[in-house]
Amino acid sequence: MADSVIAALSAQLGELQLAQIAHGRRAIILLEGPEGSGKKAVLRQIAAALDPCHFAVHQCHFERREAGQGHWLARFWGQLPTAGNTAIYFRSWYRRVLDDRVLGRIDESAVPRAFDEINEFEAQQRDYGTLIVKLYLNASAQAQGERLKQRRSNQWSPARHDEQVAVGDPAYARAVVELKAHSDTRWSPWKVIEADDDRTAIMAALEAIADAWAKAMPVQPPHIVDAPTRAA
């Protein structure tokens, strides 16, 4: 049953992408959540549903050199999608108010400003016609622990050089509460995906993306050749 639902949602998403390409609409999909929350399983299904010529995946790690490279959001500007394309962020600018905050990489006094800058950044993208879908994968401490244990036992699993945060850490739980309180905006709301079960999370994520795209993408074909070059 789950496989047939996933297949149907994938097909729907593929059809919606055709309208996106034809109309030159830009889209951003964010996958947030700690290590072991099931983001990779969701990403694989999103990637399988879309035309690979029209999306790019950006993996966001902690950048130790960013302080010497200007504003902390600068590295994301060059990754924004062009007309007809989608940028998928496997982690994103929200690391600053989640992992970096919990691990003491930024001062607490900088957190309110970071939220303001993020909200302004996302508002600018929406003003320019970019659809933003933000998915937060919510996994229990038990599910996270089991996934990380399985990953460590796999000899082919890539080495992780970044510190990991635990779902059960009270500091992380508070950061997530504030994340939803300060960045769940009208123009880019959060969709929380319960992710203890991979298939359930995949179905919920694909459905959330398809629903958002169905509301945003025009159903009629473009009437002029240069329509895709315009800001939506």
C-alpha atoms as a PDB file:
ATOM      1  CA  MET A   1       0.000   0.000   0.000  1.00  0.00           C
ATOM      2  CA  ALA A   2       2.746   2.459   0.979  1.00  0.00           C
ATOM      3  CA  ASP A   3       4.697   1.725  -2.202  1.00  0.00           C
ATOM      4  CA  SER A   4       1.686   2.495  -4.404  1.00  0.00           C
ATOM      5  CA  VAL A   5       1.022   5.756  -2.553  1.00  0.00           C
ATOM      6  CA  ILE A   6       4.671   6.804  -2.888  1.00  0.00           C
ATOM      7  CA  ALA A   7       4.589   5.945  -6.607  1.00  0.00           C
ATOM      8  CA  ALA A   8       1.430   8.010  -7.126  1.00  0.00           C
ATOM      9  CA  LEU A   9       2.838  10.995  -5.241  1.00  0.00           C
ATOM     10  CA  SER A  10       6.101  10.769  -7.171  1.00  0.00           C
ATOM     11  CA  ALA A  11       4.201  10.777 -10.459  1.00  0.00           C
ATOM     12  CA  GLN A  12       2.156  13.770  -9.322  1.00  0.00           C
ATOM     13  CA  LEU A  13       5.296  15.648  -8.333  1.00  0.00           C
ATOM     14  CA  GLY A  14       6.859  14.891 -11.696  1.00  0.00           C
ATOM     15  CA  GLU A  15       3.803  16.312 -13.488  1.00  0.00           C
ATOM     16  CA  LEU A  16       3.879  19.430 -11.334  1.00  0.00           C
ATOM     17  CA  GLN A  17       7.548  19.906 -12.155  1.00  0.00           C
ATOM     18  CA  LEU A  18       6.656  20.047 -15.851  1.00  0.00           C
ATOM     19  CA  ALA A  19       4.413  23.035 -15.142  1.00  0.00           C
ATOM     20  CA  GLN A  20       7.175  24.612 -13.053  1.00  0.00           C
ATOM     21  CA  ILE A  21       9.680  24.258 -15.892  1.00  0.00           C
ATOM     22  CA  ALA A  22       7.273  25.546 -18.521  1.00  0.00           C
ATOM     23  CA  HIS A  23       6.382  28.631 -16.496  1.00  0.00           C
ATOM     24  CA  GLY A  24       9.916  29.306 -15.277  1.00  0.00           C
ATOM     25  CA  ARG A  25       9.011  29.113 -11.600  1.00  0.00           C
ATOM     26  CA  ARG A  26      11.729  28.801  -8.998  1.00  0.00           C
ATOM     27  CA  ALA A  27      11.442  26.481  -5.999  1.00  0.00           C
ATOM     28  CA  ILE A  28      13.392  25.761  -2.819  1.00  0.00           C
ATOM     29  CA  ILE A  29      12.938  22.616  -0.740  1.00  0.00           C
ATOM     30  CA  LEU A  30      14.563  22.524   2.708  1.00  0.00           C
ATOM     31  CA  LEU A  31      15.132  19.262   4.575  1.00  0.00           C
ATOM     32  CA  GLU A  32      15.900  20.006   8.204  1.00  0.00           C
ATOM     33  CA  GLY A  33      16.350  17.818  11.234  1.00  0.00           C
ATOM     34  CA  PRO A  34      19.307  16.322  13.127  1.00  0.00           C
ATOM     35  CA  GLU A  35      21.517  13.456  11.995  1.00  0.00           C
ATOM     36  CA  GLY A  36      19.495  10.241  12.035  1.00  0.00           C
ATOM     37  CA  SER A  37      16.110  11.876  11.453  1.00  0.00           C
ATOM     38  CA  GLY A  38      15.534  10.176   8.089  1.00  0.00           C
ATOM     39  CA  LYS A  39      16.306  13.081   5.759  1.00  0.00           C
ATOM     40  CA  LYS A  40      18.350  10.966   3.323  1.00  0.00           C
ATOM     41  CA  ALA A  41      15.477   8.528   2.708  1.00  0.00           C
ATOM     42  CA  VAL A  42      13.173  11.443   1.905  1.00  0.00           C
ATOM     43  CA  LEU A  43      15.784  13.094  -0.308  1.00  0.00           C
ATOM     44  CA  ARG A  44      16.223   9.924  -2.378  1.00  0.00           C
ATOM     45  CA  GLN A  45      12.510   9.801  -3.152  1.00  0.00           C
ATOM     46  CA  ILE A  46      12.299  13.497  -4.019  1.00  0.00           C
ATOM     47  CA  ALA A  47      15.269  13.128  -6.350  1.00  0.00           C
ATOM     48  CA  ALA A  48      13.718  10.033  -7.952  1.00  0.00           C
ATOM     49  CA  ALA A  49      10.498  11.937  -8.673  1.00  0.00           C
ATOM     50  CA  LEU A  50      12.073  14.973 -10.365  1.00  0.00           C
ATOM     51  CA  ASP A  51      13.787  15.604 -13.683  1.00  0.00           C
ATOM     52  CA  PRO A  52      17.488  15.667 -12.705  1.00  0.00           C
ATOM     53  CA  CYS A  53      18.225  18.362 -15.290  1.00  0.00           C
ATOM     54  CA  HIS A  54      16.130  20.833 -13.323  1.00  0.00           C
ATOM     55  CA  PHE A  55      17.190  20.484  -9.695  1.00  0.00           C
ATOM     56  CA  ALA A  56      20.369  20.670  -7.627  1.00  0.00           C
ATOM     57  CA  VAL A  57      21.054  19.317  -4.139  1.00  0.00           C
ATOM     58  CA  HIS A  58      23.133  21.386  -1.733  1.00  0.00           C
ATOM     59  CA  GLN A  59      24.447  19.778   1.442  1.00  0.00           C
ATOM     60  CA  CYS A  60      25.079  22.269   4.216  1.00  0.00           C
ATOM     61  CA  HIS A  61      27.949  21.572   6.602  1.00  0.00           C
ATOM     62  CA  PHE A  62      29.332  23.766   9.341  1.00  0.00           C
ATOM     63  CA  GLU A  63      31.638  26.241   7.605  1.00  0.00           C
ATOM     64  CA  ARG A  64      34.577  27.160   9.810  1.00  0.00           C
ATOM     65  CA  ARG A  65      35.864  29.722   7.317  1.00  0.00           C
ATOM     66  CA  GLU A  66      32.646  31.658   6.803  1.00  0.00           C
ATOM     67  CA  ALA A  67      33.635  34.393   9.275  1.00  0.00           C
ATOM     68  CA  GLY A  68      36.337  35.497   6.854  1.00  0.00           C
ATOM     69  CA  GLN A  69      34.090  35.349   3.796  1.00  0.00           C
ATOM     70  CA  GLY A  70      31.573  38.059   4.572  1.00  0.00           C
ATOM     71  CA  HIS A  71      28.003  37.646   5.751  1.00  0.00           C
ATOM     72  CA  TRP A  72      27.112  34.136   6.899  1.00  0.00           C
ATOM     73  CA  LEU A  73      24.265  33.898   4.376  1.00  0.00           C
ATOM     74  CA  ALA A  74      26.545  34.835   1.459  1.00  0.00           C
ATOM     75  CA  ARG A  75      27.365  31.247   0.491  1.00  0.00           C
ATOM     76  CA  PHE A  76      23.681  30.499  -0.110  1.00  0.00           C
ATOM     77  CA  TRP A  77      23.093  33.288  -2.605  1.00  0.00           C
ATOM     78  CA  GLY A  78      25.110  31.527  -5.278  1.00  0.00           C
ATOM     79  CA  GLN A  79      23.069  28.344  -4.804  1.00  0.00           C
ATOM     80  CA  LEU A  80      19.628  29.873  -5.393  1.00  0.00           C
ATOM     81  CA  PRO A  81      17.628  28.325  -8.248  1.00  0.00           C
ATOM     82  CA  THR A  82      17.270  29.896 -11.658  1.00  0.00           C
ATOM     83  CA  ALA A  83      13.989  30.081 -13.590  1.00  0.00           C
ATOM     84  CA  GLY A  84      12.375  26.659 -13.987  1.00  0.00           C
ATOM     85  CA  ASN A  85      14.681  24.982 -11.479  1.00  0.00           C
ATOM     86  CA  THR A  86      14.623  23.733  -7.890  1.00  0.00           C
ATOM     87  CA  ALA A  87      17.277  23.951  -5.185  1.00  0.00           C
ATOM     88  CA  ILE A  88      17.067  21.205  -2.563  1.00  0.00           C
ATOM     89  CA  TYR A  89      18.908  21.924   0.662  1.00  0.00           C
ATOM     90  CA  PHE A  90      19.988  18.915   2.723  1.00  0.00           C
ATOM     91  CA  ARG A  91      20.291  21.013   5.871  1.00  0.00           C
ATOM     92  CA  SER A  92      20.305  24.739   5.294  1.00  0.00           C
ATOM     93  CA  TRP A  93      20.811  28.192   6.771  1.00  0.00           C
ATOM     94  CA  TYR A  94      18.820  26.929   9.762  1.00  0.00           C
ATOM     95  CA  ARG A  95      21.895  25.103  11.058  1.00  0.00           C
ATOM     96  CA  ARG A  96      22.890  28.465  12.539  1.00  0.00           C
ATOM     97  CA  VAL A  97      19.920  28.521  14.911  1.00  0.00           C
ATOM     98  CA  LEU A  98      19.931  24.761  15.560  1.00  0.00           C
ATOM     99  CA  ASP A  99      23.209  22.802  15.639  1.00  0.00           C
ATOM    100  CA  ASP A 100      25.540  25.807  15.729  1.00  0.00           C
ATOM    101  CA  ARG A 101      23.548  27.318  18.556  1.00  0.00           C
ATOM    102  CA  VAL A 102      23.384  24.115  20.615  1.00  0.00           C
ATOM    103  CA  LEU A 103      27.092  23.408  20.084  1.00  0.00           C
ATOM    104  CA  GLY A 104      28.073  26.937  21.135  1.00  0.00           C
ATOM    105  CA  ARG A 105      29.375  28.021  17.738  1.00  0.00           C
ATOM    106  CA  ILE A 106      27.450  31.292  17.861  1.00  0.00           C
ATOM    107  CA  ASP A 107      26.697  33.530  20.794  1.00  0.00           C
ATOM    108  CA  GLU A 108      23.153  33.475  22.162  1.00  0.00           C
ATOM    109  CA  SER A 109      22.932  37.219  21.618  1.00  0.00           C
ATOM    110  CA  ALA A 110      23.297  36.604  17.853  1.00  0.00           C
ATOM    111  CA  VAL A 111      20.312  34.241  17.630  1.00  0.00           C
ATOM    112  CA  PRO A 112      17.494  36.847  17.389  1.00  0.00           C
ATOM    113  CA  ARG A 113      19.380  38.665  14.643  1.00  0.00           C
ATOM    114  CA  ALA A 114      19.925  35.380  12.793  1.00  0.00           C
ATOM    115  CA  PHE A 115      16.179  34.702  12.789  1.00  0.00           C
ATOM    116  CA  ASP A 116      15.495  38.221  11.490  1.00  0.00           C
ATOM    117  CA  GLU A 117      18.054  37.795   8.706  1.00  0.00           C
ATOM    118  CA  ILE A 118      16.656  34.386   7.740  1.00  0.00           C
ATOM    119  CA  ASN A 119      13.093  35.698   7.580  1.00  0.00           C
ATOM    120  CA  GLU A 120      14.174  38.652   5.454  1.00  0.00           C
ATOM    121  CA  PHE A 121      16.203  36.375   3.174  1.00  0.00           C
ATOM    122  CA  GLU A 122      13.251  34.045   2.624  1.00  0.00           C
ATOM    123  CA  ALA A 123      10.844  36.956   2.128  1.00  0.00           C
ATOM    124  CA  GLN A 124      13.107  38.283  -0.614  1.00  0.00           C
ATOM    125  CA  GLN A 125      12.975  34.928  -2.384  1.00  0.00           C
ATOM    126  CA  ARG A 126       9.193  34.790  -2.192  1.00  0.00           C
ATOM    127  CA  ASP A 127       8.943  38.387  -3.438  1.00  0.00           C
ATOM    128  CA  TYR A 128      10.949  37.279  -6.460  1.00  0.00           C
ATOM    129  CA  GLY A 129       8.499  34.449  -7.124  1.00  0.00           C
ATOM    130  CA  THR A 130      10.315  31.528  -5.502  1.00  0.00           C
ATOM    131  CA  LEU A 131       8.234  28.814  -3.848  1.00  0.00           C
ATOM    132  CA  ILE A 132       9.728  27.720  -0.516  1.00  0.00           C
ATOM    133  CA  VAL A 133       8.818  24.380   1.071  1.00  0.00           C
ATOM    134  CA  LYS A 134      10.386  23.823   4.495  1.00  0.00           C
ATOM    135  CA  LEU A 135      10.231  20.306   5.924  1.00  0.00           C
ATOM    136  CA  TYR A 136      11.387  19.536   9.454  1.00  0.00           C
ATOM    137  CA  LEU A 137      11.803  15.807  10.096  1.00  0.00           C
ATOM    138  CA  ASN A 138      10.861  15.090  13.666  1.00  0.00           C
ATOM    139  CA  ALA A 139      12.341  11.821  14.971  1.00  0.00           C
ATOM    140  CA  SER A 140      12.291  10.429  18.487  1.00  0.00           C
ATOM    141  CA  ALA A 141      15.490   9.894  20.464  1.00  0.00           C
ATOM    142  CA  GLN A 142      15.024   6.131  20.059  1.00  0.00           C
ATOM    143  CA  ALA A 143      14.645   6.314  16.282  1.00  0.00           C
ATOM    144  CA  GLN A 144      17.638   8.636  16.000  1.00  0.00           C
ATOM    145  CA  GLY A 145      19.770   6.326  18.134  1.00  0.00           C
ATOM    146  CA  GLU A 146      18.843   3.250  16.096  1.00  0.00           C
ATOM    147  CA  ARG A 147      19.625   4.958  12.787  1.00  0.00           C
ATOM    148  CA  LEU A 148      22.974   6.279  13.990  1.00  0.00           C
ATOM    149  CA  LYS A 149      23.899   2.856  15.384  1.00  0.00           C
ATOM    150  CA  GLN A 150      23.041   1.215  12.072  1.00  0.00           C
ATOM    151  CA  ARG A 151      25.054   3.841  10.222  1.00  0.00           C
ATOM    152  CA  ARG A 152      28.120   3.260  12.407  1.00  0.00           C
ATOM    153  CA  SER A 153      27.927  -0.488  11.760  1.00  0.00           C
ATOM    154  CA  ASN A 154      27.994   0.040   7.990  1.00  0.00           C
ATOM    155  CA  GLN A 155      31.608  -0.063   6.790  1.00  0.00           C
ATOM    156  CA  TRP A 156      30.642   1.891   3.652  1.00  0.00           C
ATOM    157  CA  SER A 157      28.977   4.718   5.542  1.00  0.00           C
ATOM    158  CA  PRO A 158      30.923   7.966   4.983  1.00  0.00           C
ATOM    159  CA  ALA A 159      32.888   9.298   7.930  1.00  0.00           C
ATOM    160  CA  ARG A 160      31.227  12.156   9.803  1.00  0.00           C
ATOM    161  CA  HIS A 161      33.528  14.972  10.793  1.00  0.00           C
ATOM    162  CA  ASP A 162      30.874  17.251  12.283  1.00  0.00           C
ATOM    163  CA  GLU A 163      29.563  17.066  15.832  1.00  0.00           C
ATOM    164  CA  GLN A 164      26.113  15.560  16.184  1.00  0.00           C
ATOM    165  CA  VAL A 165      23.280  16.899  18.303  1.00  0.00           C
ATOM    166  CA  ALA A 166      20.929  14.572  20.176  1.00  0.00           C
ATOM    167  CA  VAL A 167      17.164  14.881  19.893  1.00  0.00           C
ATOM    168  CA  GLY A 168      16.927  14.231  23.625  1.00  0.00           C
ATOM    169  CA  ASP A 169      19.218  17.154  24.501  1.00  0.00           C
ATOM    170  CA  PRO A 170      17.069  19.801  26.277  1.00  0.00           C
ATOM    171  CA  ALA A 171      19.073  22.569  24.594  1.00  0.00           C
ATOM    172  CA  TYR A 172      18.237  21.141  21.180  1.00  0.00           C
ATOM    173  CA  ALA A 173      14.564  20.735  22.107  1.00  0.00           C
ATOM    174  CA  ARG A 174      14.429  24.421  23.100  1.00  0.00           C
ATOM    175  CA  ALA A 175      16.141  25.429  19.854  1.00  0.00           C
ATOM    176  CA  VAL A 176      13.503  23.533  17.839  1.00  0.00           C
ATOM    177  CA  VAL A 177      10.678  25.210  19.761  1.00  0.00           C
ATOM    178  CA  GLU A 178      12.174  28.624  18.994  1.00  0.00           C
ATOM    179  CA  LEU A 179      12.772  27.612  15.383  1.00  0.00           C
ATOM    180  CA  LYS A 180       9.048  27.044  14.907  1.00  0.00           C
ATOM    181  CA  ALA A 181       8.110  30.132  16.909  1.00  0.00           C
ATOM    182  CA  HIS A 182      10.379  32.565  15.036  1.00  0.00           C
ATOM    183  CA  SER A 183      10.561  31.251  11.472  1.00  0.00           C
ATOM    184  CA  ASP A 184       7.144  29.714  10.780  1.00  0.00           C
ATOM    185  CA  THR A 185       6.124  32.648   8.609  1.00  0.00           C
ATOM    186  CA  ARG A 186       3.167  33.283   6.339  1.00  0.00           C
ATOM    187  CA  TRP A 187       5.397  33.246   3.249  1.00  0.00           C
ATOM    188  CA  SER A 188       7.447  30.187   4.243  1.00  0.00           C
ATOM    189  CA  PRO A 189       5.740  28.042   6.898  1.00  0.00           C
ATOM    190  CA  TRP A 190       7.225  24.895   8.370  1.00  0.00           C
ATOM    191  CA  LYS A 191       5.759  21.464   7.703  1.00  0.00           C
ATOM    192  CA  VAL A 192       6.671  19.039  10.475  1.00  0.00           C
ATOM    193  CA  ILE A 193       7.100  15.457   9.259  1.00  0.00           C
ATOM    194  CA  GLU A 194       6.878  12.679  11.841  1.00  0.00           C
ATOM    195  CA  ALA A 195       9.852  10.578  10.808  1.00  0.00           C
ATOM    196  CA  ASP A 196      10.246   7.564  13.091  1.00  0.00           C
ATOM    197  CA  ASP A 197       9.112   5.393  10.163  1.00  0.00           C
ATOM    198  CA  ASP A 198      10.870   6.049   6.838  1.00  0.00           C
ATOM    199  CA  ARG A 199       7.946   5.199   4.553  1.00  0.00           C
ATOM    200  CA  THR A 200       5.479   7.266   6.539  1.00  0.00           C
ATOM    201  CA  ALA A 201       7.887  10.204   6.450  1.00  0.00           C
ATOM    202  CA  ILE A 202       8.437   9.822   2.693  1.00  0.00           C
ATOM    203  CA  MET A 203       4.695   9.844   1.997  1.00  0.00           C
ATOM    204  CA  ALA A 204       4.118  12.882   4.200  1.00  0.00           C
ATOM    205  CA  ALA A 205       7.036  14.783   2.663  1.00  0.00           C
ATOM    206  CA  LEU A 206       6.035  14.076  -0.945  1.00  0.00           C
ATOM    207  CA  GLU A 207       2.451  15.010  -0.170  1.00  0.00           C
ATOM    208  CA  ALA A 208       3.510  18.295   1.448  1.00  0.00           C
ATOM    209  CA  ILE A 209       5.678  19.226  -1.551  1.00  0.00           C
ATOM    210  CA  ALA A 210       3.011  18.217  -4.078  1.00  0.00           C
ATOM    211  CA  ASP A 211       0.321  20.194  -2.228  1.00  0.00           C
ATOM    212  CA  ALA A 212       2.495  23.308  -2.094  1.00  0.00           C
ATOM    213  CA  TRP A 213       3.432  23.040  -5.772  1.00  0.00           C
ATOM    214  CA  ALA A 214      -0.166  22.368  -6.846  1.00  0.00           C
ATOM    215  CA  LYS A 215      -1.231  25.624  -5.194  1.00  0.00           C
ATOM    216  CA  ALA A 216       1.670  27.638  -6.613  1.00  0.00           C
ATOM    217  CA  MET A 217       2.179  26.318 -10.147  1.00  0.00           C
ATOM    218  CA  PRO A 218      -0.144  27.524 -12.941  1.00  0.00           C
ATOM    219  CA  VAL A 219      -2.246  24.791 -14.515  1.00  0.00           C
ATOM    220  CA  GLN A 220      -2.492  26.504 -17.900  1.00  0.00           C
ATOM    221  CA  PRO A 221       0.412  26.332 -20.381  1.00  0.00           C
ATOM    222  CA  PRO A 222       2.400  29.524 -20.940  1.00  0.00           C
ATOM    223  CA  HIS A 223       1.120  31.673 -23.796  1.00  0.00           C
ATOM    224  CA  ILE A 224       4.376  33.389 -24.742  1.00  0.00           C
ATOM    225  CA  VAL A 225       7.785  31.940 -25.461  1.00  0.00           C
ATOM    226  CA  ASP A 226       9.751  34.085 -23.038  1.00  0.00           C
ATOM    227  CA  ALA A 227       7.444  33.504 -20.042  1.00  0.00           C
ATOM    228  CA  PRO A 228       9.974  31.222 -18.230  1.00  0.00           C
ATOM    229  CA  THR A 229      12.510  34.073 -17.992  1.00  0.00           C
ATOM    230  CA  ARG A 230      10.202  36.303 -16.015  1.00  0.00           C
ATOM    231  CA  ALA A 231      10.165  36.544 -12.237  1.00  0.00           C
ATOM    232  CA  ALA A 232       7.019  34.806 -11.041  1.00  0.00           C
END
